[in-house]
Amino acid sequence: MERIVIRDRIISALSTVYIFVENQNTDIDLEPYIEDSIQFMSLVVALEETFGIEFPANMLLLENFKSVDTIAVIVEELLAIKK
């Protein structure tokens, strides 16, 4: 899957948990927009459902979800492992 497609799907998943990012702002720091652990875990679930992946427990750190770009790298890695 191309990175641009992954980014677009991440942006879509973010919007389901009320975090709105413009497509050109994929390196914006998301931490200030993630209000609490419930919203964070809702994002994780949305991403898992969107990509058909499961984040290992050791990856469930806010620092791994700092931006669309950092999330995209992790998603690419998990998709590669899934194949």
N, C-alpha and C. Protein backbone atom coordinates (compact mmCIF):
# COMPACT_ATOMS: atom_id res chain seq x y z
N MET A 1 0.85 -1.17 0.00
CA MET A 1 0.00 0.00 0.00
C MET A 1 0.90 1.24 0.00
N GLU A 2 0.58 2.20 -0.84
CA GLU A 2 1.39 3.41 -0.93
C GLU A 2 1.23 4.28 0.31
N ARG A 3 2.31 4.98 0.64
CA ARG A 3 2.29 5.81 1.85
C ARG A 3 1.20 6.88 1.78
N ILE A 4 0.94 7.45 0.62
CA ILE A 4 -0.09 8.50 0.49
C ILE A 4 -1.46 7.93 0.83
N VAL A 5 -1.71 6.69 0.43
CA VAL A 5 -2.99 6.03 0.74
C VAL A 5 -3.07 5.77 2.25
N ILE A 6 -1.96 5.32 2.81
CA ILE A 6 -1.92 5.07 4.26
C ILE A 6 -2.20 6.37 5.00
N ARG A 7 -1.55 7.46 4.61
CA ARG A 7 -1.77 8.76 5.27
C ARG A 7 -3.22 9.19 5.17
N ASP A 8 -3.81 9.04 3.99
CA ASP A 8 -5.21 9.44 3.82
C ASP A 8 -6.13 8.63 4.74
N ARG A 9 -5.86 7.34 4.86
CA ARG A 9 -6.68 6.49 5.73
C ARG A 9 -6.47 6.83 7.20
N ILE A 10 -5.24 7.20 7.56
CA ILE A 10 -4.98 7.63 8.95
C ILE A 10 -5.74 8.90 9.25
N ILE A 11 -5.71 9.86 8.32
CA ILE A 11 -6.43 11.12 8.51
C ILE A 11 -7.93 10.85 8.66
N SER A 12 -8.44 9.91 7.90
CA SER A 12 -9.85 9.53 8.01
C SER A 12 -10.13 8.90 9.38
N ALA A 13 -9.25 8.02 9.84
CA ALA A 13 -9.43 7.39 11.15
C ALA A 13 -9.36 8.44 12.26
N LEU A 14 -8.47 9.40 12.13
CA LEU A 14 -8.38 10.48 13.11
C LEU A 14 -9.70 11.23 13.21
N SER A 15 -10.32 11.48 12.07
CA SER A 15 -11.57 12.24 12.09
C SER A 15 -12.68 11.49 12.81
N THR A 16 -12.61 10.15 12.84
CA THR A 16 -13.65 9.39 13.54
C THR A 16 -13.57 9.58 15.05
N VAL A 17 -12.42 10.04 15.53
CA VAL A 17 -12.26 10.32 16.97
C VAL A 17 -12.12 11.83 17.20
N TYR A 18 -12.63 12.59 16.24
CA TYR A 18 -12.73 14.05 16.34
C TYR A 18 -11.39 14.77 16.40
N ILE A 19 -10.42 14.23 15.67
CA ILE A 19 -9.14 14.92 15.47
C ILE A 19 -9.06 15.20 13.99
N PHE A 20 -9.09 16.47 13.65
CA PHE A 20 -9.15 16.87 12.24
C PHE A 20 -7.82 17.46 11.81
N VAL A 21 -7.23 16.84 10.78
CA VAL A 21 -5.92 17.23 10.26
C VAL A 21 -6.06 17.48 8.77
N GLU A 22 -5.47 18.56 8.29
CA GLU A 22 -5.45 18.81 6.86
C GLU A 22 -4.43 17.88 6.21
N ASN A 23 -4.70 17.45 5.00
CA ASN A 23 -3.83 16.49 4.32
C ASN A 23 -2.38 16.94 4.23
N GLN A 24 -2.14 18.23 4.10
CA GLN A 24 -0.77 18.71 3.96
C GLN A 24 -0.05 18.83 5.30
N ASN A 25 -0.74 18.67 6.40
CA ASN A 25 -0.14 18.79 7.74
C ASN A 25 0.12 17.43 8.36
N THR A 26 0.77 16.54 7.65
CA THR A 26 0.96 15.19 8.16
C THR A 26 2.05 15.08 9.22
N ASP A 27 2.82 16.17 9.43
CA ASP A 27 3.85 16.13 10.46
C ASP A 27 3.46 16.93 11.71
N ILE A 28 2.21 17.41 11.77
CA ILE A 28 1.74 18.18 12.92
C ILE A 28 1.73 17.29 14.17
N ASP A 29 2.10 17.86 15.30
CA ASP A 29 2.11 17.13 16.57
C ASP A 29 0.67 16.88 17.02
N LEU A 30 0.29 15.61 17.10
CA LEU A 30 -1.08 15.24 17.47
C LEU A 30 -1.32 15.20 18.97
N GLU A 31 -0.26 15.17 19.74
CA GLU A 31 -0.40 15.00 21.19
C GLU A 31 -1.36 16.02 21.83
N PRO A 32 -1.29 17.30 21.46
CA PRO A 32 -2.23 18.25 22.08
C PRO A 32 -3.70 18.00 21.72
N TYR A 33 -3.94 17.26 20.66
CA TYR A 33 -5.31 17.00 20.20
C TYR A 33 -5.91 15.74 20.82
N ILE A 34 -5.06 14.88 21.38
CA ILE A 34 -5.54 13.65 22.01
C ILE A 34 -5.81 14.00 23.47
N GLU A 35 -7.08 14.10 23.80
CA GLU A 35 -7.50 14.65 25.09
C GLU A 35 -7.36 13.70 26.27
N ASP A 36 -7.55 12.40 26.03
CA ASP A 36 -7.48 11.46 27.15
C ASP A 36 -7.23 10.05 26.63
N SER A 37 -7.11 9.12 27.56
CA SER A 37 -6.79 7.74 27.18
C SER A 37 -7.92 7.08 26.40
N ILE A 38 -9.14 7.49 26.65
CA ILE A 38 -10.27 6.91 25.90
C ILE A 38 -10.20 7.31 24.43
N GLN A 39 -9.91 8.57 24.18
CA GLN A 39 -9.77 9.02 22.80
C GLN A 39 -8.57 8.34 22.13
N PHE A 40 -7.48 8.20 22.88
CA PHE A 40 -6.30 7.52 22.35
C PHE A 40 -6.62 6.09 21.96
N MET A 41 -7.26 5.34 22.85
CA MET A 41 -7.58 3.95 22.55
C MET A 41 -8.62 3.85 21.43
N SER A 42 -9.52 4.83 21.35
CA SER A 42 -10.49 4.85 20.24
C SER A 42 -9.76 5.03 18.92
N LEU A 43 -8.72 5.85 18.92
CA LEU A 43 -7.90 6.02 17.72
C LEU A 43 -7.21 4.72 17.36
N VAL A 44 -6.64 4.06 18.34
CA VAL A 44 -5.95 2.79 18.09
C VAL A 44 -6.92 1.79 17.47
N VAL A 45 -8.11 1.68 18.02
CA VAL A 45 -9.11 0.75 17.48
C VAL A 45 -9.50 1.14 16.06
N ALA A 46 -9.70 2.43 15.82
CA ALA A 46 -10.06 2.90 14.47
C ALA A 46 -8.96 2.55 13.46
N LEU A 47 -7.71 2.73 13.86
CA LEU A 47 -6.60 2.39 12.97
C LEU A 47 -6.51 0.88 12.74
N GLU A 48 -6.71 0.10 13.78
CA GLU A 48 -6.68 -1.36 13.63
C GLU A 48 -7.78 -1.83 12.69
N GLU A 49 -8.96 -1.27 12.83
CA GLU A 49 -10.06 -1.65 11.94
C GLU A 49 -9.84 -1.18 10.52
N THR A 50 -9.29 0.01 10.37
CA THR A 50 -9.04 0.57 9.04
C THR A 50 -8.04 -0.27 8.25
N PHE A 51 -6.98 -0.72 8.93
CA PHE A 51 -5.89 -1.41 8.23
C PHE A 51 -5.87 -2.92 8.44
N GLY A 52 -6.76 -3.43 9.29
CA GLY A 52 -6.77 -4.87 9.54
C GLY A 52 -5.51 -5.33 10.25
N ILE A 53 -5.02 -4.52 11.16
CA ILE A 53 -3.79 -4.83 11.90
C ILE A 53 -4.09 -4.79 13.39
N GLU A 54 -3.10 -5.22 14.18
CA GLU A 54 -3.21 -5.11 15.63
C GLU A 54 -1.90 -4.54 16.16
N PHE A 55 -2.01 -3.46 16.91
CA PHE A 55 -0.82 -2.87 17.51
C PHE A 55 -0.39 -3.70 18.72
N PRO A 56 0.88 -4.13 18.75
CA PRO A 56 1.36 -4.83 19.94
C PRO A 56 1.31 -3.90 21.16
N ALA A 57 1.13 -4.47 22.33
CA ALA A 57 1.01 -3.67 23.56
C ALA A 57 2.19 -2.73 23.75
N ASN A 58 3.39 -3.17 23.38
CA ASN A 58 4.57 -2.32 23.58
C ASN A 58 4.60 -1.10 22.66
N MET A 59 3.74 -1.06 21.66
CA MET A 59 3.66 0.10 20.76
C MET A 59 2.59 1.09 21.18
N LEU A 60 1.80 0.75 22.17
CA LEU A 60 0.69 1.61 22.57
C LEU A 60 1.16 2.73 23.50
N LEU A 61 2.06 3.52 22.97
CA LEU A 61 2.59 4.69 23.67
C LEU A 61 2.25 5.92 22.86
N LEU A 62 1.86 6.98 23.53
CA LEU A 62 1.49 8.21 22.84
C LEU A 62 2.60 8.70 21.92
N GLU A 63 3.84 8.51 22.33
CA GLU A 63 4.97 8.97 21.52
C GLU A 63 5.02 8.29 20.14
N ASN A 64 4.43 7.11 20.02
CA ASN A 64 4.38 6.42 18.72
C ASN A 64 3.27 6.96 17.82
N PHE A 65 2.43 7.82 18.37
CA PHE A 65 1.30 8.36 17.63
C PHE A 65 1.39 9.89 17.57
N LYS A 66 2.61 10.41 17.49
CA LYS A 66 2.84 11.86 17.55
C LYS A 66 2.34 12.60 16.31
N SER A 67 2.39 11.95 15.15
CA SER A 67 1.97 12.62 13.92
C SER A 67 1.45 11.58 12.94
N VAL A 68 0.81 12.05 11.89
CA VAL A 68 0.34 11.15 10.84
C VAL A 68 1.53 10.40 10.25
N ASP A 69 2.64 11.11 10.07
CA ASP A 69 3.83 10.48 9.50
C ASP A 69 4.38 9.36 10.38
N THR A 70 4.44 9.57 11.70
CA THR A 70 4.95 8.52 12.58
C THR A 70 4.00 7.33 12.64
N ILE A 71 2.72 7.61 12.61
CA ILE A 71 1.74 6.52 12.58
C ILE A 71 1.88 5.74 11.27
N ALA A 72 2.09 6.44 10.17
CA ALA A 72 2.22 5.79 8.86
C ALA A 72 3.39 4.82 8.84
N VAL A 73 4.50 5.20 9.45
CA VAL A 73 5.67 4.32 9.49
C VAL A 73 5.33 3.04 10.24
N ILE A 74 4.67 3.17 11.38
CA ILE A 74 4.30 1.99 12.18
C ILE A 74 3.31 1.12 11.42
N VAL A 75 2.32 1.75 10.80
CA VAL A 75 1.33 0.99 10.03
C VAL A 75 2.01 0.24 8.90
N GLU A 76 2.93 0.88 8.19
CA GLU A 76 3.65 0.20 7.11
C GLU A 76 4.39 -1.02 7.64
N GLU A 77 5.05 -0.88 8.79
CA GLU A 77 5.78 -2.00 9.39
C GLU A 77 4.82 -3.14 9.74
N LEU A 78 3.69 -2.82 10.34
CA LEU A 78 2.74 -3.85 10.73
C LEU A 78 2.11 -4.51 9.51
N LEU A 79 1.86 -3.74 8.46
CA LEU A 79 1.32 -4.33 7.23
C LEU A 79 2.35 -5.27 6.59
N ALA A 80 3.62 -4.91 6.65
CA ALA A 80 4.67 -5.74 6.07
C ALA A 80 4.79 -7.06 6.84
N ILE A 81 4.65 -7.00 8.17
CA ILE A 81 4.70 -8.22 8.99
C ILE A 81 3.50 -9.11 8.70
N LYS A 82 2.36 -8.47 8.46
CA LYS A 82 1.09 -9.20 8.22
C LYS A 82 1.15 -10.04 6.95
N LYS A 83 1.92 -9.59 5.96
CA LYS A 83 1.96 -10.28 4.65
C LYS A 83 2.52 -11.64 4.74
